[in-house]
Protein backbone atom coordinates (compact mmCIF):
# COMPACT_ATOMS: atom_id res chain seq x y z
CA SER A 1 -0.11 -0.24 -0.12
CA THR A 2 1.36 3.62 -0.53
CA THR A 3 0.56 6.40 2.06
CA THR A 4 0.11 10.16 1.22
CA THR A 5 0.47 12.90 3.55
CA ARG A 6 -0.68 16.30 2.74
CA THR A 7 -0.74 19.44 5.54
CA TYR A 8 -3.27 22.33 4.57
CA SER A 9 -2.86 25.60 6.51
CA LEU A 10 -6.24 27.27 7.53
CA GLY A 11 -5.13 30.27 9.17
CA THR A 12 -7.00 31.56 12.16
CA VAL A 13 -10.29 30.12 13.01
CA TYR A 14 -12.61 32.36 14.94
CA PRO A 15 -15.12 31.12 17.70
CA GLY A 16 -18.01 29.60 16.27
CA GLU A 17 -16.69 29.57 12.97
CA ARG A 18 -16.83 26.24 10.83
CA LEU A 19 -14.33 25.35 8.06
CA VAL A 20 -15.26 22.58 5.75
CA ILE A 21 -12.62 20.90 3.51
CA HIS A 22 -13.19 19.01 0.56
CA LEU A 23 -11.00 16.42 -0.65
CA SER A 24 -11.27 14.16 -4.12
CA ALA A 25 -9.33 11.54 -5.46
CA LYS A 26 -9.25 9.27 -8.30
CA VAL A 27 -8.33 5.43 -8.06
CA ARG A 28 -7.61 3.34 -11.03
CA ARG A 29 -10.00 0.15 -10.46
CA SER A 30 -8.37 -3.29 -10.82
CA ASP A 31 -10.00 -6.49 -11.29
CA THR A 32 -10.30 -6.93 -7.45
CA THR A 33 -12.07 -4.93 -4.79
CA GLN A 34 -9.95 -2.22 -3.34
CA TYR A 35 -9.99 -0.30 0.14
CA LEU A 36 -8.61 2.83 1.11
CA GLY A 37 -8.63 4.98 3.84
CA ASN A 38 -8.28 8.51 5.18
CA GLN A 39 -7.04 9.75 8.37
CA ALA A 40 -7.72 13.53 9.21
CA TYR A 41 -6.41 15.32 12.56
CA TYR A 42 -6.18 18.96 13.25
CA THR A 43 -3.64 21.01 15.68
CA SER A 44 -2.68 24.61 16.61
CA ASP A 45 -0.56 26.52 19.09
CA GLN A 46 -3.59 27.01 21.06
CA THR A 47 -5.07 23.67 20.56
CA PRO A 48 -2.14 21.06 20.63
CA ILE A 49 -2.88 17.49 20.23
CA THR A 50 -2.34 16.67 23.90
CA GLY A 51 -5.14 14.00 23.92
CA LEU A 52 -3.41 12.04 21.63
CA HIS A 53 -0.98 9.21 23.12
CA GLY A 54 2.45 10.72 23.30
CA GLY A 55 0.98 14.33 22.39
CA ASN A 56 2.20 13.83 19.01
CA THR A 57 0.62 12.59 15.49
CA PRO A 58 -1.83 9.98 15.70
CA ASP A 59 -0.76 6.21 15.39
CA PRO A 60 -1.12 5.12 11.69
CA MET A 61 -4.11 3.78 10.67
CA THR A 62 -4.82 -0.34 9.15
CA ILE A 63 -6.34 -0.43 5.91
CA PRO A 64 -9.12 -2.60 6.88
CA ASP A 65 -9.77 -6.35 5.04
CA ALA A 66 -12.91 -6.84 3.52
CA ASP A 67 -14.65 -8.87 6.06
CA GLU A 68 -13.86 -5.67 8.30
CA TYR A 69 -15.14 -2.55 6.21
CA ASP A 70 -17.16 -0.77 7.95
CA PRO A 71 -18.50 2.74 6.53
CA ASP A 72 -18.65 4.52 9.77
CA GLY A 73 -15.07 4.14 10.02
CA ILE A 74 -11.85 2.37 11.12
CA PRO A 75 -11.84 0.95 14.69
CA ASN A 76 -9.13 0.11 16.98
CA ASN A 77 -6.88 3.13 17.02
CA SER A 78 -7.32 4.99 20.40
CA THR A 79 -5.39 7.90 19.10
CA CYS A 80 -7.89 8.31 16.75
CA ASN A 81 -11.92 8.89 17.34
CA THR A 82 -14.20 7.50 14.47
CA ASP A 83 -18.12 6.82 14.41
CA ALA A 84 -17.21 3.13 14.23
CA ASP A 85 -15.59 3.58 17.75
CA THR A 86 -16.00 6.59 19.99
CA SER A 87 -13.82 5.45 22.91
CA GLY A 88 -10.45 6.72 22.93
CA GLN A 89 -8.79 10.08 23.21
CA SER A 90 -10.22 13.42 24.43
CA PRO A 91 -11.40 15.92 22.93
CA GLU A 92 -13.49 13.71 20.71
CA ASP A 93 -13.01 14.25 16.93
CA ILE A 94 -9.44 15.72 17.04
CA CYS A 95 -8.81 13.03 14.86
CA ASP A 96 -10.94 10.87 12.25
CA GLN A 97 -10.25 8.01 9.74
CA VAL A 98 -12.65 6.59 7.30
CA PRO A 99 -12.63 4.19 4.94
CA ALA A 100 -13.61 3.94 1.31
CA GLU A 101 -14.27 0.53 -0.98
CA ILE A 102 -13.70 0.53 -4.34
CA PRO A 103 -15.49 -2.22 -6.56
CA ALA A 104 -13.46 -4.59 -8.75
CA ASN A 105 -13.89 -3.55 -12.30
CA PRO A 106 -16.40 -6.28 -14.01
CA ASP A 107 -14.45 -5.89 -17.53
CA PRO A 108 -11.30 -7.51 -18.22
CA LEU A 109 -8.30 -5.20 -18.17
CA GLY A 110 -4.66 -4.77 -19.51
CA ALA A 111 -1.48 -3.35 -18.90
CA LEU A 112 1.61 -1.28 -20.21
CA SER A 113 5.15 -1.46 -19.42
CA GLY A 114 8.73 -0.52 -20.97
CA THR A 115 12.05 -0.08 -19.99
CA VAL A 116 14.09 3.44 -19.88
CA TRP A 117 18.06 3.04 -20.78
CA ILE A 118 21.10 4.99 -21.64
CA ASP A 119 21.58 4.45 -25.53
CA THR A 120 25.26 4.96 -25.33
CA ASN A 121 26.20 4.74 -28.83
CA ASN A 122 23.43 6.97 -29.88
CA ASP A 123 22.09 4.54 -32.42
CA GLY A 124 18.26 4.21 -31.20
CA LEU A 125 18.50 0.63 -30.35
CA ARG A 126 19.27 -0.97 -26.83
CA GLN A 127 22.15 -3.26 -26.28
CA THR A 128 22.58 -5.59 -23.57
CA THR A 129 25.42 -3.69 -22.36
CA GLU A 130 23.74 -0.29 -22.04
CA ASP A 131 23.13 0.82 -18.96
CA LEU A 132 19.18 0.79 -17.62
CA VAL A 133 18.04 4.20 -15.48
CA GLU A 134 16.12 3.85 -12.35
CA ASN A 135 13.90 6.71 -10.61
CA VAL A 136 13.05 8.23 -13.67
CA LYS A 137 9.03 9.39 -13.46
CA VAL A 138 6.57 7.94 -16.14
CA ILE A 139 3.41 9.37 -16.65
CA LEU A 140 0.19 7.88 -18.35
CA LEU A 141 -2.16 9.62 -20.64
CA ASP A 142 -5.80 8.99 -22.06
CA ASN A 143 -5.84 9.70 -25.65
CA ASN A 144 -7.45 13.40 -24.61
CA ASP A 145 -4.05 13.85 -22.89
CA GLN A 146 -5.52 13.48 -19.54
CA VAL A 147 -3.28 11.92 -16.68
CA VAL A 148 -4.33 8.52 -16.11
CA GLY A 149 -1.41 7.46 -13.64
CA GLU A 150 2.15 8.08 -12.73
CA THR A 151 4.83 5.74 -11.61
CA GLN A 152 8.80 5.54 -11.52
CA THR A 153 11.43 3.12 -13.20
CA ASP A 154 12.63 0.56 -10.92
CA ASN A 155 16.42 -0.49 -10.74
CA ASN A 156 16.39 -1.96 -13.61
CA GLY A 157 14.94 0.80 -15.48
CA TYR A 158 11.35 -1.11 -15.94
CA TYR A 159 7.83 0.40 -15.45
CA ILE A 160 4.72 -1.07 -15.55
CA PHE A 161 1.04 0.40 -15.65
CA ASN A 162 -1.69 -2.64 -14.51
CA ASN A 163 -5.45 -2.44 -14.61
CA LEU A 164 -6.05 -0.61 -17.41
CA VAL A 165 -9.08 -0.29 -19.24
CA PRO A 166 -8.46 -1.54 -22.82
CA ALA A 167 -8.18 1.76 -25.02
CA ASP A 168 -5.55 3.78 -26.44
CA TYR A 169 -2.79 5.57 -24.08
CA LYS A 170 0.35 7.64 -24.32
CA VAL A 171 3.20 7.74 -22.44
CA GLN A 172 5.41 10.53 -21.03
CA VAL A 173 8.89 10.16 -19.82
CA GLU A 174 9.99 12.92 -17.63
CA ALA A 175 13.74 12.95 -17.99
CA LEU A 176 14.29 15.87 -20.74
CA GLY A 177 16.91 18.20 -19.39
CA LEU A 178 17.30 16.39 -16.00
CA THR A 179 21.25 16.03 -14.85
CA ALA A 180 22.60 12.74 -15.60
CA PRO A 181 25.05 10.69 -12.99
CA ASN A 182 27.75 12.05 -15.50
CA GLY A 183 26.84 15.51 -15.16
CA LYS A 184 25.35 15.93 -18.52
CA LYS A 185 21.80 16.58 -19.31
CA TYR A 186 19.32 13.67 -20.78
CA GLY A 187 17.91 14.28 -24.01
CA PHE A 188 16.42 11.41 -25.99
CA THR A 189 17.44 9.09 -28.82
CA THR A 190 15.98 8.46 -32.00
CA GLN A 191 12.74 7.46 -32.32
CA ASP A 192 11.74 4.60 -33.64
CA ALA A 193 15.00 3.66 -34.98
CA ASP A 194 14.22 0.11 -36.05
CA THR A 195 11.49 -0.05 -39.04
CA ASN A 196 10.28 -3.02 -37.26
CA PRO A 197 6.85 -1.95 -35.78
CA SER A 198 7.07 -4.87 -33.50
CA SER A 199 11.03 -4.20 -32.33
CA ASN A 200 11.84 -4.43 -28.32
CA GLN A 201 14.96 -2.86 -29.19
CA ASP A 202 14.21 0.50 -30.18
CA SER A 203 12.85 3.89 -28.53
CA ASP A 204 9.43 4.93 -28.94
CA VAL A 205 9.45 8.50 -27.60
CA ASP A 206 10.17 11.52 -29.72
CA ASN A 207 12.34 14.28 -28.51
CA THR A 208 10.42 15.63 -25.81
CA GLY A 209 9.71 12.23 -24.34
CA LEU A 210 6.35 11.22 -25.67
CA THR A 211 5.11 8.30 -27.42
CA ASN A 212 2.48 7.81 -30.22
CA PRO A 213 -0.89 6.22 -29.18
CA VAL A 214 -0.42 2.73 -27.92
CA THR A 215 -3.25 0.42 -27.73
CA VAL A 216 -3.70 -1.70 -24.65
CA THR A 217 -6.27 -5.05 -24.80
CA ALA A 218 -8.27 -6.67 -22.34
CA ASN A 219 -6.09 -9.53 -20.43
CA ASN A 220 -2.60 -8.68 -22.08
CA THR A 221 0.22 -6.46 -21.31
CA ARG A 222 1.58 -4.23 -24.16
CA GLU A 223 5.31 -4.33 -23.43
CA TYR A 224 8.23 -2.39 -24.83
CA VAL A 225 7.11 0.96 -24.69
CA ASP A 226 10.72 2.23 -24.15
CA ALA A 227 12.60 5.19 -24.08
CA GLY A 228 15.99 5.75 -24.88
CA LEU A 229 18.09 8.40 -23.25
CA VAL A 230 21.58 10.29 -24.44
CA THR A 231 23.69 12.33 -22.14
CA VAL A 232 24.89 15.51 -24.01
CA ASP A 233 26.92 18.70 -22.66
CA ALA A 234 25.25 21.78 -24.16
CA ASN A 235 27.80 24.75 -24.36
CA ILE A 236 28.33 28.12 -26.05
CA GLN A 237 30.65 30.86 -26.29
CA VAL A 238 30.53 34.43 -26.95
CA ASP A 239 33.82 36.77 -27.99
CA LYS A 240 33.13 40.36 -28.30
CA THR A 241 36.13 42.45 -29.99
CA SER A 242 36.59 45.07 -32.83
CA THR A 243 39.08 46.35 -35.45
CA LEU A 244 41.02 47.97 -32.40
CA GLY A 245 41.07 44.91 -30.34
CA ASP A 246 39.42 44.83 -26.81
CA PRO A 247 39.91 46.72 -24.90
CA ALA A 248 39.82 49.21 -27.83
CA THR A 249 42.36 52.35 -27.93
CA LEU A 250 40.65 55.12 -29.89
CA THR A 251 42.22 57.64 -31.78
CA LEU A 252 40.95 61.18 -32.43
CA ASN A 253 40.14 62.60 -35.83
CA ASN A 254 40.62 66.26 -37.12
CA GLN A 255 36.74 67.07 -35.45
CA GLY A 256 38.49 66.08 -31.96
CA THR A 257 36.31 62.82 -31.93
CA THR A 258 36.70 58.98 -32.59
CA ASP A 259 35.56 57.61 -35.97
CA GLU A 260 32.72 54.76 -35.94
CA LEU A 261 34.24 51.83 -34.57
CA THR A 262 32.93 48.11 -36.34
CA ILE A 263 32.48 45.61 -33.35
CA ASN A 264 32.90 41.89 -34.10
CA ILE A 265 31.10 38.99 -32.36
CA THR A 266 31.34 35.37 -32.55
CA VAL A 267 29.18 32.78 -30.89
CA THR A 268 30.46 29.33 -31.14
CA ASN A 269 28.47 26.19 -30.38
CA ASN A 270 31.13 24.29 -28.33
CA GLY A 271 29.10 21.97 -26.78
CA GLU A 272 27.63 18.37 -27.86
CA GLU A 273 24.45 19.32 -29.67
CA PRO A 274 23.10 21.46 -31.90
CA LEU A 275 21.45 24.63 -30.67
CA THR A 276 18.73 26.74 -31.69
CA ASP A 277 16.20 29.58 -30.52
CA PHE A 278 19.34 32.01 -29.96
CA LYS A 279 18.68 35.40 -27.92
CA ILE A 280 21.28 38.03 -28.31
CA GLU A 281 21.42 41.28 -25.91
CA ASP A 282 23.75 43.84 -25.44
CA THR A 283 23.77 45.98 -22.38
CA THR A 284 25.56 49.35 -22.58
CA LEU A 285 27.00 50.20 -19.00
CA THR A 286 28.97 53.59 -20.10
CA GLY A 287 28.49 55.44 -22.99
CA PRO A 288 27.01 55.58 -25.98
CA ASP A 289 24.63 52.34 -27.04
CA ILE A 290 26.12 50.00 -30.24
CA THR A 291 23.95 50.16 -33.00
CA ASN A 292 23.25 48.25 -36.31
CA LEU A 293 23.69 44.58 -34.78
CA THR A 294 23.10 42.05 -37.12
CA CYS A 295 23.85 38.45 -36.89
CA THR A 296 24.22 35.96 -39.60
CA TYR A 297 24.67 32.16 -40.06
CA ASN A 298 25.89 30.98 -43.33
CA SER A 299 25.46 34.33 -44.70
CA ASN A 300 21.59 34.00 -43.74
CA PRO A 301 19.83 36.17 -40.91
CA ILE A 302 19.50 34.41 -37.55
CA THR A 303 15.83 33.41 -36.84
CA PRO A 304 14.33 31.93 -33.89
CA THR A 305 14.60 28.81 -36.01
CA THR A 306 17.86 28.69 -37.04
CA VAL A 307 20.07 25.54 -36.05
CA ILE A 308 23.57 25.91 -35.29
CA PRO A 309 25.33 22.68 -35.50
CA VAL A 310 28.26 21.53 -33.14
CA ASN A 311 31.70 23.47 -33.65
CA ASP A 312 29.72 26.07 -35.97
CA THR A 313 29.59 29.77 -35.47
CA VAL A 314 27.52 32.49 -35.68
CA ASN A 315 29.03 35.92 -36.80
CA CYS A 316 27.66 39.44 -35.78
CA THR A 317 28.52 42.89 -36.44
CA ALA A 318 27.59 46.31 -34.80
CA ILE A 319 28.88 49.90 -34.84
CA LEU A 320 30.33 52.14 -31.91
CA PRO A 321 29.09 55.42 -32.76
CA SER A 322 31.40 58.06 -32.62
CA MET A 323 32.87 59.30 -29.31
CA ASP A 324 34.13 62.91 -27.75
CA ALA A 325 37.59 62.73 -26.45
CA GLY A 326 38.01 61.58 -22.89
CA SER A 327 34.98 59.13 -23.62
CA VAL A 328 34.14 55.73 -22.40
CA HIS A 329 31.86 52.61 -23.73
CA GLU A 330 31.81 49.68 -21.68
CA ASP A 331 29.20 47.05 -22.51
CA SER A 332 28.55 43.11 -22.16
CA ILE A 333 26.96 40.98 -24.77
CA THR A 334 25.10 37.78 -23.38
CA VAL A 335 23.91 35.03 -25.91
CA ASN A 336 21.34 32.47 -24.84
CA GLY A 337 20.69 29.18 -26.92
CA VAL A 338 18.60 26.22 -26.47
CA GLY A 339 20.03 22.36 -27.00
CA THR A 340 17.85 20.56 -29.54
CA ILE A 341 18.64 17.43 -27.89
CA SER A 342 18.22 18.18 -24.00
CA GLN A 343 16.07 21.16 -24.44
CA THR A 344 18.68 22.68 -21.78
CA THR A 345 19.10 26.52 -22.33
CA VAL A 346 23.02 27.82 -22.07
CA SER A 347 24.02 31.42 -21.89
CA ASP A 348 27.67 33.30 -21.94
CA ASP A 349 28.54 36.74 -22.10
CA ASP A 350 31.65 38.81 -22.65
CA PRO A 351 32.34 42.56 -21.77
CA PHE A 352 33.68 45.08 -24.17
CA LYS A 353 35.35 48.26 -23.48
CA ALA A 354 36.39 51.09 -25.74
CA GLU A 355 38.18 54.69 -24.55
CA SER A 356 39.35 57.69 -26.33
CA PRO A 357 42.32 59.68 -25.39
CA ALA A 358 41.61 62.52 -22.86
CA PRO A 359 41.25 66.01 -24.39
CA ASN A 360 44.23 68.01 -24.80
CA PRO A 361 43.71 71.43 -26.05
CA GLN A 362 46.94 73.32 -27.43
CA ILE A 363 47.58 76.26 -29.84
CA GLN A 364 50.78 77.42 -30.99
CA ILE A 365 51.55 80.65 -32.62
CA ILE A 366 54.69 81.99 -34.54
CA LYS A 367 54.93 85.84 -35.83
CA TYR A 368 56.92 86.41 -38.94
CA VAL A 369 58.37 89.54 -40.93
CA VAL A 370 56.82 89.44 -44.08
CA THR A 371 60.04 89.91 -46.63
CA GLY A 372 57.91 89.15 -50.12
CA PRO A 373 54.68 88.62 -51.32
CA ASN A 374 52.29 85.79 -50.62
CA PRO A 375 54.30 85.01 -47.48
CA ASP A 376 51.34 82.74 -46.17
CA THR A 377 51.74 80.35 -48.89
CA ASP A 378 55.72 80.77 -49.87
CA PRO A 379 57.91 80.33 -46.70
CA THR A 380 60.83 81.95 -48.05
CA HIS A 381 59.01 85.40 -47.79
CA ARG A 382 58.72 85.21 -44.37
CA VAL A 383 61.03 85.30 -41.51
CA ASP A 384 60.63 84.17 -37.94
CA ALA A 385 60.49 87.28 -35.72
CA ASN A 386 61.94 85.94 -32.76
CA ASP A 387 64.95 84.35 -34.59
CA PHE A 388 67.17 86.55 -33.17
CA ASN A 389 70.51 84.71 -34.57
CA ASN A 390 69.15 85.98 -37.92
CA PRO A 391 67.78 89.34 -37.67
CA VAL A 392 66.17 90.86 -40.53
CA ILE A 393 66.79 94.06 -42.29
CA VAL A 394 63.63 95.51 -43.99
CA ASP A 395 63.87 98.89 -46.00
CA THR A 396 60.70 100.27 -43.90
CA THR A 397 59.95 101.78 -41.04
CA THR A 398 56.71 100.00 -40.78
CA PRO A 399 57.42 96.07 -41.29
CA SER A 400 54.49 93.89 -42.14
CA PHE A 401 53.96 90.83 -40.15
CA LEU A 402 52.20 87.57 -40.36
CA TYR A 403 50.79 85.37 -37.53
CA GLU A 404 50.82 81.54 -38.06
CA VAL A 405 48.43 79.99 -35.76
CA THR A 406 48.17 76.08 -35.40
CA ASN A 407 46.11 73.97 -33.36
CA THR A 408 48.41 71.51 -31.90
CA GLY A 409 46.16 69.79 -29.56
CA ASN A 410 43.61 66.87 -30.17
CA VAL A 411 40.32 68.40 -29.86
CA LYS A 412 38.73 70.98 -32.29
CA LEU A 413 39.23 74.83 -30.84
CA ASP A 414 36.49 77.19 -31.27
CA ASN A 415 36.33 81.04 -30.41
CA VAL A 416 40.24 81.49 -31.86
CA VAL A 417 40.95 85.11 -31.23
CA VAL A 418 44.07 86.58 -32.23
CA THR A 419 45.03 90.11 -30.28
CA ALA A 420 47.58 92.48 -31.64
CA PRO A 421 50.38 93.30 -29.27
CA THR A 422 50.28 97.25 -29.89
CA PRO A 423 47.45 99.24 -29.40
CA GLY A 424 45.59 100.54 -32.36
CA GLN A 425 46.55 97.69 -34.59
CA THR A 426 44.40 94.82 -35.70
CA ILE A 427 44.93 91.51 -36.79
CA THR A 428 42.81 89.77 -39.42
CA CYS A 429 42.13 85.91 -39.10
CA PRO A 430 40.15 83.96 -42.07
CA LYS A 431 38.62 81.92 -39.34
CA THR A 432 37.67 81.24 -35.36
CA THR A 433 37.51 77.54 -35.70
CA LEU A 434 40.30 75.09 -35.98
CA LEU A 435 40.71 71.68 -36.68
CA VAL A 436 43.04 69.27 -35.10
CA GLY A 437 46.29 70.19 -36.96
CA GLU A 438 44.83 73.10 -38.85
CA VAL A 439 46.84 76.02 -39.58
CA MET A 440 45.86 79.45 -40.28
CA TYR A 441 47.62 82.75 -41.04
CA CYS A 442 46.43 86.21 -39.93
CA THR A 443 47.76 89.70 -40.76
CA VAL A 444 47.80 93.15 -39.29
């Protein structure tokens, strides 16, 4: 016999309040009359079960035999009152136990059985040297997918459902994604590898552990409804880098900002089973978000149904937008995939960092004495006014000067103004903005 214990929390029960709990159960009828019993008792901090022997739980009940069946209760338990035997502990009815009689099924019945094993060589067929798997949950369903019964495989991987009304049934083996003794995950081998419909060597479940409808006939056991398991190790790896590596040290252009950077992402199936249902998520931690993330396999866009074989890769690209000097971008990419055999979800992540140089604004000015025409384009017609080792003699009391202004820093300079050293002089410059490395000439 099997004993099932359930505990219900009723909360606060106020004086005069009455609570009714309705319990129901389904019992599969057999070819003989069956008897079952229900024992119920209550206790609380305010009403401990002191009336019971030892102040603990009631003694277990004894399921009556046919000649002892009494619908009023199950007697002979001094720790639990029944209508059939009201002598016993106090207070009355802190415990009660009642029986039920399940009449025998008048129609002939059948049975269904099978074995769960490890398909070590993954050929879909059970060899005598392959291991049998115990403690696997097996569920029996009717043709409307309603649960008829549950059991577990024994130490020989064997299970059986007895006392079945002749009909079509399906078997669901609950092993998918469970952890095997070797640390890997269970999946199912090829279904119906043997084309012989009466084969007792192949596996009858699909990749979810479910069989096709199986017919049970009266006075017979439908045998060899078997399930072959395989053990696999699903795994995935993602590597994120860029054309400048990871971390990426960026350079600044003449605008004082970085150019767009191409991000390269490689996702590899380095497990033991194909992967599908890919999900790729890039999370920005600092700085601008990457854009234009696209992923392909064999030059085709990734979809939820794309399957990546073992050792194959998915290639992704993205763009890191332009950043100002002194900016930092940090992110982490996460990928998920699902094993097509074990249905196990696996994931991996990889951080990425890119950094631009700190801003370093610099400007340089050189004052020249003009010695000829077009001194801004002809350097032979200008002499550094500060070169005291090579003084310039000009035939005028009002020499002309030229100012060369250069942006020698790494950021763009705005609002550039050159002020004349002599009161009343005006220096004219062609612009007020200088890009990185840009030169302009100003005249008096």
